[in-house]
């Protein structure tokens, strides 16, 4: 079964039980229609892929697309919550945060997912040398992300490392509209005290 429905949302996931094997884990934060996660899962069958998505319709679409893939699970939950409470420490090889909701109005900026607390949760869940790939079409959000990252002692920028990733539906839409794409890849470098 592709859709993951935990017995409780108050305990960390047992990833070996979820996937039926031990393998490097990659997590798509806000997996949308599942295009990226399915393409990566086909390309890397030796890895496990977890898609997190809060919208039920998108979860259903991702489940349909990945039905034949043994290494994909999809969880209907808000990404920041899952990273903070459901993913075990040092369990994730790579996170993908591609085109998160930019909440462009100033009064909504507090709803943006990339905060210092979010980065600390990502840092905890990443294994040593783990990577977080970020992409957005919103320059002011990208600048805010950059500022937040600079203040985090456990993550370092490694430039634009995820440029060869399969494009998402949102990315294709933005590129067709002529919007610039801002990318950043971060690596876990040290424990946060």
N, C-alpha and C. Protein backbone atom coordinates (compact mmCIF):
# COMPACT_ATOMS: atom_id res chain seq x y z
N UNK A 1 0.84 -1.19 0.00
CA UNK A 1 0.00 0.00 0.00
C UNK A 1 0.88 1.24 0.00
N UNK A 2 0.62 2.16 -0.89
CA UNK A 2 1.44 3.35 -1.03
C UNK A 2 1.13 4.39 0.04
N UNK A 3 -0.17 4.63 0.32
CA UNK A 3 -0.49 5.65 1.33
C UNK A 3 -0.20 5.11 2.72
N UNK A 4 0.57 5.88 3.44
CA UNK A 4 0.96 5.53 4.79
C UNK A 4 0.00 6.19 5.77
N UNK A 5 -0.63 5.38 6.60
CA UNK A 5 -1.52 5.89 7.64
C UNK A 5 -1.00 5.34 8.96
N UNK A 6 -0.20 6.15 9.69
CA UNK A 6 0.37 5.66 10.94
C UNK A 6 -0.70 5.37 12.00
N UNK A 7 -0.38 4.47 12.91
CA UNK A 7 -1.31 4.17 14.00
C UNK A 7 -1.50 5.41 14.87
N UNK A 8 -0.43 6.20 14.98
CA UNK A 8 -0.50 7.43 15.75
C UNK A 8 0.36 8.48 15.07
N UNK A 9 -0.06 9.71 15.22
CA UNK A 9 0.72 10.83 14.69
C UNK A 9 1.54 11.48 15.80
N UNK A 10 1.69 10.75 16.91
CA UNK A 10 2.43 11.28 18.06
C UNK A 10 3.68 10.48 18.37
N UNK A 11 4.07 9.58 17.49
CA UNK A 11 5.29 8.79 17.67
C UNK A 11 6.05 8.77 16.36
N UNK A 12 7.36 8.64 16.48
CA UNK A 12 8.19 8.59 15.27
C UNK A 12 7.89 7.34 14.45
N UNK A 13 8.03 7.48 13.15
CA UNK A 13 7.79 6.37 12.24
C UNK A 13 8.89 5.32 12.37
N UNK A 14 8.50 4.06 12.29
CA UNK A 14 9.46 2.97 12.20
C UNK A 14 9.67 2.74 10.71
N UNK A 15 10.74 3.30 10.17
CA UNK A 15 10.93 3.32 8.71
C UNK A 15 11.17 1.94 8.12
N UNK A 16 11.79 1.04 8.87
CA UNK A 16 11.99 -0.32 8.37
C UNK A 16 10.64 -1.01 8.24
N UNK A 17 9.77 -0.81 9.20
CA UNK A 17 8.42 -1.40 9.12
C UNK A 17 7.60 -0.75 8.00
N UNK A 18 7.74 0.55 7.82
CA UNK A 18 6.99 1.28 6.79
C UNK A 18 7.35 0.79 5.39
N UNK A 19 8.65 0.61 5.13
CA UNK A 19 9.10 0.23 3.79
C UNK A 19 9.39 -1.26 3.64
N UNK A 20 9.47 -1.98 4.75
CA UNK A 20 9.78 -3.40 4.67
C UNK A 20 11.24 -3.68 4.37
N UNK A 21 12.08 -2.68 4.53
CA UNK A 21 13.52 -2.85 4.30
C UNK A 21 14.25 -1.63 4.86
N UNK A 22 15.54 -1.79 5.02
CA UNK A 22 16.39 -0.68 5.42
C UNK A 22 17.10 -0.15 4.18
N UNK A 23 16.94 1.14 3.90
CA UNK A 23 17.54 1.77 2.72
C UNK A 23 17.63 3.26 2.97
N UNK A 24 18.51 3.95 2.25
CA UNK A 24 18.58 5.41 2.40
C UNK A 24 17.22 6.04 2.09
N UNK A 25 16.85 7.04 2.90
CA UNK A 25 15.53 7.68 2.77
C UNK A 25 15.66 9.07 2.17
N UNK A 26 14.81 9.34 1.17
CA UNK A 26 14.69 10.66 0.59
C UNK A 26 13.25 11.11 0.80
N UNK A 27 13.08 12.39 1.18
CA UNK A 27 11.75 12.89 1.55
C UNK A 27 11.40 14.11 0.70
N UNK A 28 10.25 14.04 0.05
CA UNK A 28 9.73 15.15 -0.75
C UNK A 28 8.72 15.90 0.12
N UNK A 29 9.10 17.11 0.53
CA UNK A 29 8.26 17.93 1.40
C UNK A 29 7.24 18.69 0.55
N UNK A 30 6.00 18.25 0.59
CA UNK A 30 4.98 18.82 -0.28
C UNK A 30 5.09 18.22 -1.65
N UNK A 31 4.81 16.93 -1.76
CA UNK A 31 5.09 16.18 -2.99
C UNK A 31 4.15 16.49 -4.14
N UNK A 32 3.13 17.32 -3.92
CA UNK A 32 2.26 17.74 -5.02
C UNK A 32 1.61 16.57 -5.72
N UNK A 33 1.76 16.52 -7.05
CA UNK A 33 1.12 15.46 -7.82
C UNK A 33 1.96 14.19 -7.90
N UNK A 34 3.12 14.18 -7.25
CA UNK A 34 3.94 12.98 -7.19
C UNK A 34 4.91 12.79 -8.34
N UNK A 35 4.96 13.71 -9.26
CA UNK A 35 5.84 13.56 -10.42
C UNK A 35 7.30 13.40 -10.06
N UNK A 36 7.81 14.26 -9.19
CA UNK A 36 9.22 14.21 -8.80
C UNK A 36 9.55 12.92 -8.06
N UNK A 37 8.76 12.60 -7.05
CA UNK A 37 9.07 11.44 -6.21
C UNK A 37 9.01 10.14 -7.03
N UNK A 38 8.05 10.05 -7.94
CA UNK A 38 7.94 8.84 -8.77
C UNK A 38 9.11 8.71 -9.73
N UNK A 39 9.50 9.81 -10.32
CA UNK A 39 10.64 9.77 -11.25
C UNK A 39 11.92 9.39 -10.51
N UNK A 40 12.13 9.96 -9.33
CA UNK A 40 13.33 9.63 -8.54
C UNK A 40 13.29 8.17 -8.07
N UNK A 41 12.12 7.70 -7.67
CA UNK A 41 11.99 6.32 -7.18
C UNK A 41 12.29 5.31 -8.29
N UNK A 42 11.88 5.61 -9.52
CA UNK A 42 12.21 4.73 -10.64
C UNK A 42 13.70 4.75 -10.94
N UNK A 43 14.30 5.91 -10.83
CA UNK A 43 15.73 6.08 -11.13
C UNK A 43 16.62 5.44 -10.06
N UNK A 44 16.15 5.45 -8.80
CA UNK A 44 16.94 4.94 -7.69
C UNK A 44 16.14 3.89 -6.89
N UNK A 45 15.95 2.70 -7.44
CA UNK A 45 15.14 1.68 -6.75
C UNK A 45 15.75 1.19 -5.44
N UNK A 46 17.03 1.45 -5.25
CA UNK A 46 17.71 1.03 -4.03
C UNK A 46 17.44 1.97 -2.85
N UNK A 47 16.73 3.06 -3.08
CA UNK A 47 16.43 4.04 -2.03
C UNK A 47 14.94 4.03 -1.72
N UNK A 48 14.60 4.48 -0.51
CA UNK A 48 13.21 4.65 -0.11
C UNK A 48 12.82 6.11 -0.29
N UNK A 49 11.56 6.36 -0.68
CA UNK A 49 11.07 7.71 -0.90
C UNK A 49 9.77 7.92 -0.14
N UNK A 50 9.73 9.01 0.62
CA UNK A 50 8.54 9.36 1.38
C UNK A 50 8.05 10.72 0.90
N UNK A 51 6.80 10.77 0.44
CA UNK A 51 6.18 12.02 0.04
C UNK A 51 5.28 12.52 1.14
N UNK A 52 5.45 13.77 1.52
CA UNK A 52 4.60 14.40 2.52
C UNK A 52 3.73 15.43 1.82
N UNK A 53 2.44 15.38 2.06
CA UNK A 53 1.52 16.31 1.39
C UNK A 53 0.30 16.51 2.25
N UNK A 54 -0.10 17.77 2.43
CA UNK A 54 -1.25 18.06 3.29
C UNK A 54 -2.58 18.05 2.55
N UNK A 55 -2.56 18.15 1.21
CA UNK A 55 -3.81 18.19 0.45
C UNK A 55 -4.22 16.77 0.01
N UNK A 56 -5.39 16.36 0.40
CA UNK A 56 -5.88 14.99 0.18
C UNK A 56 -5.91 14.61 -1.30
N UNK A 57 -6.36 15.52 -2.15
CA UNK A 57 -6.43 15.23 -3.58
C UNK A 57 -5.05 14.95 -4.17
N UNK A 58 -4.05 15.70 -3.73
CA UNK A 58 -2.69 15.47 -4.21
C UNK A 58 -2.14 14.15 -3.68
N UNK A 59 -2.48 13.80 -2.46
CA UNK A 59 -2.05 12.50 -1.91
C UNK A 59 -2.62 11.38 -2.77
N UNK A 60 -3.90 11.47 -3.11
CA UNK A 60 -4.54 10.43 -3.93
C UNK A 60 -3.86 10.34 -5.30
N UNK A 61 -3.56 11.47 -5.90
CA UNK A 61 -2.91 11.48 -7.21
C UNK A 61 -1.52 10.86 -7.14
N UNK A 62 -0.76 11.20 -6.10
CA UNK A 62 0.58 10.62 -5.94
C UNK A 62 0.48 9.12 -5.71
N UNK A 63 -0.49 8.68 -4.94
CA UNK A 63 -0.67 7.25 -4.70
C UNK A 63 -0.99 6.51 -6.00
N UNK A 64 -1.82 7.09 -6.84
CA UNK A 64 -2.13 6.45 -8.13
C UNK A 64 -0.88 6.36 -9.00
N UNK A 65 -0.12 7.44 -9.07
CA UNK A 65 1.09 7.46 -9.90
C UNK A 65 2.14 6.47 -9.43
N UNK A 66 2.20 6.25 -8.12
CA UNK A 66 3.28 5.42 -7.57
C UNK A 66 2.81 4.03 -7.18
N UNK A 67 1.63 3.63 -7.59
CA UNK A 67 1.04 2.35 -7.17
C UNK A 67 1.94 1.16 -7.45
N UNK A 68 2.67 1.17 -8.56
CA UNK A 68 3.52 0.02 -8.92
C UNK A 68 4.92 0.12 -8.32
N UNK A 69 5.22 1.20 -7.62
CA UNK A 69 6.56 1.38 -7.06
C UNK A 69 6.63 0.86 -5.63
N UNK A 70 7.55 -0.03 -5.38
CA UNK A 70 7.67 -0.65 -4.05
C UNK A 70 8.37 0.27 -3.04
N UNK A 71 9.08 1.28 -3.54
CA UNK A 71 9.93 2.10 -2.67
C UNK A 71 9.36 3.49 -2.40
N UNK A 72 8.04 3.66 -2.57
CA UNK A 72 7.39 4.95 -2.33
C UNK A 72 6.27 4.78 -1.31
N UNK A 73 6.23 5.72 -0.36
CA UNK A 73 5.11 5.84 0.57
C UNK A 73 4.71 7.31 0.59
N UNK A 74 3.43 7.56 0.82
CA UNK A 74 2.90 8.92 0.85
C UNK A 74 2.13 9.11 2.14
N UNK A 75 2.41 10.21 2.82
CA UNK A 75 1.78 10.50 4.11
C UNK A 75 1.03 11.81 4.01
N UNK A 76 -0.25 11.80 4.34
CA UNK A 76 -1.10 12.99 4.33
C UNK A 76 -0.91 13.73 5.65
N UNK A 77 0.03 14.67 5.63
CA UNK A 77 0.35 15.43 6.84
C UNK A 77 1.09 16.70 6.43
N UNK A 78 1.05 17.70 7.27
CA UNK A 78 1.77 18.94 7.02
C UNK A 78 3.27 18.67 7.18
N UNK A 79 4.06 19.12 6.25
CA UNK A 79 5.49 18.79 6.19
C UNK A 79 6.27 19.16 7.45
N UNK A 80 6.08 20.39 7.92
CA UNK A 80 6.85 20.85 9.09
C UNK A 80 6.57 19.96 10.30
N UNK A 81 5.31 19.54 10.48
CA UNK A 81 4.96 18.66 11.59
C UNK A 81 5.67 17.32 11.45
N UNK A 82 5.61 16.75 10.26
CA UNK A 82 6.22 15.44 10.03
C UNK A 82 7.72 15.47 10.27
N UNK A 83 8.37 16.52 9.79
CA UNK A 83 9.82 16.62 9.98
C UNK A 83 10.15 16.73 11.46
N UNK A 84 9.38 17.51 12.16
CA UNK A 84 9.67 17.74 13.58
C UNK A 84 9.35 16.54 14.47
N UNK A 85 8.22 15.87 14.20
CA UNK A 85 7.74 14.85 15.15
C UNK A 85 7.74 13.41 14.64
N UNK A 86 7.67 13.20 13.33
CA UNK A 86 7.49 11.83 12.83
C UNK A 86 8.77 11.18 12.29
N UNK A 87 9.70 11.98 11.81
CA UNK A 87 10.92 11.41 11.24
C UNK A 87 11.98 11.21 12.32
N UNK A 88 12.54 10.01 12.41
CA UNK A 88 13.57 9.75 13.43
C UNK A 88 14.84 10.58 13.17
N UNK A 89 15.57 10.79 14.23
CA UNK A 89 16.84 11.52 14.14
C UNK A 89 17.81 10.77 13.22
N UNK A 90 18.55 11.53 12.41
CA UNK A 90 19.57 10.98 11.50
C UNK A 90 19.02 9.94 10.52
N UNK A 91 17.78 10.09 10.09
CA UNK A 91 17.15 9.07 9.24
C UNK A 91 17.04 9.46 7.76
N UNK A 92 17.27 10.73 7.43
CA UNK A 92 17.00 11.20 6.07
C UNK A 92 18.30 11.54 5.35
N UNK A 93 18.44 10.99 4.16
CA UNK A 93 19.60 11.29 3.32
C UNK A 93 19.42 12.62 2.59
N UNK A 94 18.21 12.84 2.05
CA UNK A 94 17.94 14.04 1.27
C UNK A 94 16.50 14.49 1.46
N UNK A 95 16.35 15.80 1.66
CA UNK A 95 15.03 16.45 1.65
C UNK A 95 14.92 17.26 0.38
N UNK A 96 13.71 17.30 -0.19
CA UNK A 96 13.40 18.17 -1.33
C UNK A 96 12.28 19.11 -0.91
N UNK A 97 12.56 20.40 -0.93
CA UNK A 97 11.55 21.43 -0.65
C UNK A 97 11.48 22.30 -1.90
N UNK A 98 10.69 21.86 -2.85
CA UNK A 98 10.65 22.50 -4.16
C UNK A 98 9.34 23.26 -4.34
N UNK A 99 9.45 24.55 -4.46
CA UNK A 99 8.33 25.45 -4.70
C UNK A 99 7.27 25.37 -3.60
N UNK A 100 7.72 25.58 -2.34
CA UNK A 100 6.73 25.62 -1.25
C UNK A 100 5.84 26.86 -1.41
N UNK A 101 4.68 26.82 -0.79
CA UNK A 101 3.76 27.95 -0.86
C UNK A 101 4.50 29.20 -0.40
N UNK A 102 4.60 30.23 -1.25
CA UNK A 102 5.40 31.41 -0.90
C UNK A 102 4.68 32.38 0.03
N UNK A 103 3.39 32.23 0.20
CA UNK A 103 2.63 33.17 1.01
C UNK A 103 3.13 34.59 0.71
N UNK A 104 2.86 35.09 -0.49
CA UNK A 104 3.47 36.33 -0.94
C UNK A 104 3.04 37.59 -0.19
N UNK A 105 1.84 37.61 0.36
CA UNK A 105 1.40 38.81 1.08
C UNK A 105 2.17 38.94 2.39
N UNK A 106 2.62 40.15 2.69
CA UNK A 106 3.44 40.40 3.88
C UNK A 106 2.77 39.86 5.16
N UNK A 107 1.48 40.05 5.28
CA UNK A 107 0.80 39.61 6.51
C UNK A 107 0.77 38.09 6.65
N UNK A 108 1.06 37.35 5.55
CA UNK A 108 1.05 35.89 5.59
C UNK A 108 2.45 35.29 5.69
N UNK A 109 3.49 36.11 5.69
CA UNK A 109 4.86 35.59 5.70
C UNK A 109 5.12 34.66 6.88
N UNK A 110 4.43 34.85 7.99
CA UNK A 110 4.64 33.98 9.16
C UNK A 110 4.23 32.53 8.88
N UNK A 111 3.47 32.30 7.80
CA UNK A 111 3.03 30.95 7.45
C UNK A 111 4.06 30.19 6.61
N UNK A 112 5.09 30.88 6.15
CA UNK A 112 6.10 30.23 5.33
C UNK A 112 6.79 29.12 6.11
N UNK A 113 7.09 28.03 5.43
CA UNK A 113 7.62 26.84 6.09
C UNK A 113 9.07 27.00 6.56
N UNK A 114 9.88 27.74 5.82
CA UNK A 114 11.30 27.83 6.19
C UNK A 114 11.49 28.86 7.30
N UNK A 115 11.67 28.34 8.50
CA UNK A 115 11.95 29.15 9.69
C UNK A 115 13.15 28.53 10.39
N UNK A 116 13.66 29.21 11.39
CA UNK A 116 14.78 28.65 12.16
C UNK A 116 14.39 27.33 12.81
N UNK A 117 13.16 27.24 13.35
CA UNK A 117 12.70 25.99 13.98
C UNK A 117 12.60 24.86 12.95
N UNK A 118 12.10 25.18 11.76
CA UNK A 118 12.00 24.18 10.70
C UNK A 118 13.39 23.67 10.33
N UNK A 119 14.35 24.57 10.16
CA UNK A 119 15.71 24.15 9.80
C UNK A 119 16.34 23.31 10.90
N UNK A 120 16.04 23.61 12.16
CA UNK A 120 16.55 22.79 13.25
C UNK A 120 15.96 21.39 13.20
N UNK A 121 14.67 21.28 12.87
CA UNK A 121 14.03 19.97 12.73
C UNK A 121 14.61 19.20 11.54
N UNK A 122 14.85 19.89 10.42
CA UNK A 122 15.48 19.27 9.25
C UNK A 122 16.87 18.77 9.64
N UNK A 123 17.63 19.61 10.32
CA UNK A 123 18.98 19.25 10.76
C UNK A 123 18.96 17.98 11.61
N UNK A 124 18.02 17.89 12.54
CA UNK A 124 17.91 16.72 13.42
C UNK A 124 17.61 15.47 12.62
N UNK A 125 16.72 15.58 11.61
CA UNK A 125 16.31 14.41 10.84
C UNK A 125 17.35 13.97 9.81
N UNK A 126 18.17 14.90 9.33
CA UNK A 126 19.18 14.55 8.33
C UNK A 126 20.27 13.68 8.93
N UNK A 127 20.77 12.73 8.13
CA UNK A 127 21.94 11.98 8.58
C UNK A 127 23.18 12.83 8.33
N UNK A 128 24.35 12.36 8.75
CA UNK A 128 25.58 13.13 8.56
C UNK A 128 25.80 13.39 7.08
N UNK A 129 26.09 14.62 6.73
CA UNK A 129 26.30 15.05 5.35
C UNK A 129 25.00 15.05 4.54
N UNK A 130 23.84 14.90 5.21
CA UNK A 130 22.56 14.91 4.51
C UNK A 130 22.31 16.25 3.83
N UNK A 131 21.43 16.25 2.83
CA UNK A 131 21.22 17.42 1.97
C UNK A 131 19.75 17.86 2.00
N UNK A 132 19.56 19.17 1.95
CA UNK A 132 18.25 19.79 1.75
C UNK A 132 18.32 20.61 0.48
N UNK A 133 17.50 20.26 -0.53
CA UNK A 133 17.41 21.03 -1.78
C UNK A 133 16.18 21.92 -1.69
N UNK A 134 16.36 23.20 -2.00
CA UNK A 134 15.27 24.17 -1.98
C UNK A 134 15.20 24.86 -3.34
N UNK A 135 13.98 25.09 -3.83
CA UNK A 135 13.78 25.87 -5.05
C UNK A 135 12.49 26.68 -4.90
N UNK A 136 12.53 27.91 -5.40
CA UNK A 136 11.35 28.78 -5.40
C UNK A 136 11.45 29.74 -6.57
N UNK A 137 10.30 30.27 -6.96
CA UNK A 137 10.29 31.29 -8.01
C UNK A 137 10.13 32.68 -7.40
N UNK A 138 10.06 32.78 -6.09
CA UNK A 138 9.83 34.04 -5.39
C UNK A 138 11.14 34.58 -4.82
N UNK A 139 11.64 35.67 -5.40
CA UNK A 139 12.93 36.21 -4.98
C UNK A 139 12.93 36.64 -3.51
N UNK A 140 11.86 37.30 -3.06
CA UNK A 140 11.87 37.76 -1.66
C UNK A 140 11.83 36.59 -0.68
N UNK A 141 11.14 35.51 -1.04
CA UNK A 141 11.14 34.31 -0.19
C UNK A 141 12.53 33.69 -0.19
N UNK A 142 13.16 33.65 -1.34
CA UNK A 142 14.51 33.11 -1.44
C UNK A 142 15.48 33.91 -0.55
N UNK A 143 15.35 35.23 -0.56
CA UNK A 143 16.20 36.07 0.29
C UNK A 143 15.94 35.78 1.76
N UNK A 144 14.67 35.60 2.13
CA UNK A 144 14.34 35.26 3.52
C UNK A 144 14.95 33.90 3.89
N UNK A 145 14.86 32.94 2.99
CA UNK A 145 15.44 31.62 3.24
C UNK A 145 16.95 31.76 3.45
N UNK A 146 17.60 32.50 2.59
CA UNK A 146 19.05 32.72 2.69
C UNK A 146 19.41 33.31 4.05
N UNK A 147 18.68 34.32 4.48
CA UNK A 147 18.94 34.96 5.77
C UNK A 147 18.75 33.98 6.92
N UNK A 148 17.70 33.18 6.85
CA UNK A 148 17.43 32.20 7.90
C UNK A 148 18.52 31.14 7.94
N UNK A 149 18.97 30.68 6.78
CA UNK A 149 20.01 29.66 6.69
C UNK A 149 21.33 30.18 7.25
N UNK A 150 21.66 31.42 6.93
CA UNK A 150 22.92 32.01 7.41
C UNK A 150 23.00 32.01 8.93
N UNK A 151 21.86 32.09 9.60
CA UNK A 151 21.84 32.09 11.05
C UNK A 151 21.80 30.71 11.67
N UNK A 152 21.84 29.66 10.85
CA UNK A 152 21.77 28.30 11.39
C UNK A 152 23.15 27.66 11.42
N UNK A 153 23.63 27.27 12.60
CA UNK A 153 25.01 26.77 12.72
C UNK A 153 25.23 25.36 12.17
N UNK A 154 24.20 24.58 11.93
CA UNK A 154 24.38 23.19 11.54
C UNK A 154 24.23 22.90 10.06
N UNK A 155 23.97 23.93 9.27
CA UNK A 155 23.78 23.74 7.83
C UNK A 155 24.68 24.71 7.07
N UNK A 156 25.25 24.21 5.97
CA UNK A 156 26.05 25.09 5.13
C UNK A 156 25.55 25.00 3.69
N UNK A 157 25.65 26.12 3.01
CA UNK A 157 25.26 26.16 1.61
C UNK A 157 26.32 25.46 0.78
N UNK A 158 25.86 24.60 -0.13
CA UNK A 158 26.80 23.95 -1.05
C UNK A 158 26.47 24.37 -2.48
N UNK A 159 25.89 25.56 -2.58
CA UNK A 159 25.57 26.10 -3.90
C UNK A 159 24.31 25.51 -4.47
N UNK A 160 24.28 25.38 -5.77
CA UNK A 160 23.10 24.87 -6.47
C UNK A 160 23.41 23.46 -6.90
N UNK A 161 23.08 22.50 -6.04
CA UNK A 161 23.42 21.12 -6.30
C UNK A 161 22.31 20.32 -6.96
N UNK A 162 21.07 20.75 -6.83
CA UNK A 162 19.95 19.95 -7.33
C UNK A 162 19.43 20.38 -8.67
N UNK A 163 20.28 21.03 -9.48
CA UNK A 163 19.82 21.57 -10.75
C UNK A 163 19.49 20.46 -11.76
N UNK A 164 20.02 19.27 -11.54
CA UNK A 164 19.75 18.17 -12.47
C UNK A 164 18.56 17.31 -12.03
N UNK A 165 17.80 17.78 -11.07
CA UNK A 165 16.62 17.05 -10.61
C UNK A 165 15.53 17.10 -11.68
N UNK A 166 14.67 16.08 -11.71
CA UNK A 166 13.52 16.16 -12.62
C UNK A 166 12.70 17.41 -12.27
N UNK A 167 12.13 18.05 -13.27
CA UNK A 167 11.35 19.25 -12.99
C UNK A 167 9.95 18.87 -12.50
N UNK A 168 9.44 19.71 -11.62
CA UNK A 168 8.09 19.51 -11.10
C UNK A 168 7.08 20.22 -12.00
N UNK A 169 5.82 19.93 -11.77
CA UNK A 169 4.76 20.60 -12.52
C UNK A 169 4.83 22.11 -12.30
N UNK A 170 5.05 22.53 -11.05
CA UNK A 170 5.15 23.96 -10.75
C UNK A 170 6.36 24.58 -11.45
N UNK A 171 7.48 23.89 -11.42
CA UNK A 171 8.67 24.42 -12.07
C UNK A 171 8.43 24.62 -13.57
N UNK A 172 7.85 23.64 -14.22
CA UNK A 172 7.58 23.77 -15.66
C UNK A 172 6.66 24.97 -15.93
N UNK A 173 5.67 25.14 -15.08
CA UNK A 173 4.73 26.25 -15.23
C UNK A 173 5.46 27.60 -15.08
N UNK A 174 6.33 27.70 -14.07
CA UNK A 174 7.06 28.95 -13.84
C UNK A 174 8.04 29.25 -14.97
N UNK A 175 8.74 28.22 -15.44
CA UNK A 175 9.69 28.39 -16.53
C UNK A 175 8.97 28.84 -17.80
N UNK A 176 7.83 28.22 -18.10
CA UNK A 176 7.05 28.63 -19.28
C UNK A 176 6.60 30.08 -19.19
N UNK A 177 6.34 30.54 -17.96
CA UNK A 177 5.91 31.94 -17.75
C UNK A 177 7.11 32.89 -17.73
N UNK A 178 8.32 32.36 -17.83
CA UNK A 178 9.51 33.20 -17.85
C UNK A 178 10.01 33.62 -16.47
N UNK A 179 9.51 32.99 -15.43
CA UNK A 179 9.93 33.34 -14.07
C UNK A 179 11.31 32.75 -13.78
N UNK A 180 12.19 33.50 -13.11
CA UNK A 180 13.48 32.94 -12.71
C UNK A 180 13.27 31.92 -11.59
N UNK A 181 14.13 30.93 -11.53
CA UNK A 181 14.07 29.91 -10.48
C UNK A 181 15.29 30.10 -9.58
N UNK A 182 15.05 30.21 -8.29
CA UNK A 182 16.11 30.39 -7.29
C UNK A 182 16.31 29.07 -6.57
N UNK A 183 17.55 28.61 -6.51
CA UNK A 183 17.86 27.30 -5.92
C UNK A 183 18.94 27.43 -4.86
N UNK A 184 18.86 26.53 -3.91
CA UNK A 184 19.84 26.47 -2.84
C UNK A 184 19.91 25.04 -2.34
N UNK A 185 21.11 24.53 -2.13
CA UNK A 185 21.29 23.22 -1.52
C UNK A 185 22.10 23.39 -0.25
N UNK A 186 21.66 22.72 0.80
CA UNK A 186 22.29 22.83 2.12
C UNK A 186 22.74 21.45 2.57
N UNK A 187 23.85 21.42 3.29
CA UNK A 187 24.38 20.16 3.83
C UNK A 187 24.47 20.26 5.35
N UNK A 188 24.13 19.18 6.02
CA UNK A 188 24.31 19.10 7.47
C UNK A 188 25.79 19.02 7.77
N UNK A 189 26.29 19.91 8.63
CA UNK A 189 27.73 19.93 8.91
C UNK A 189 28.10 19.66 10.35
N UNK A 190 27.20 19.91 11.28
CA UNK A 190 27.59 19.74 12.67
C UNK A 190 26.35 19.58 13.54
N UNK A 191 26.56 19.07 14.73
CA UNK A 191 25.43 19.00 15.65
C UNK A 191 25.06 20.39 16.14
N UNK A 192 23.77 20.61 16.38
CA UNK A 192 23.32 21.88 16.95
C UNK A 192 23.12 21.65 18.43
N UNK A 193 23.68 22.52 19.23
CA UNK A 193 23.56 22.37 20.68
C UNK A 193 22.41 23.14 21.23
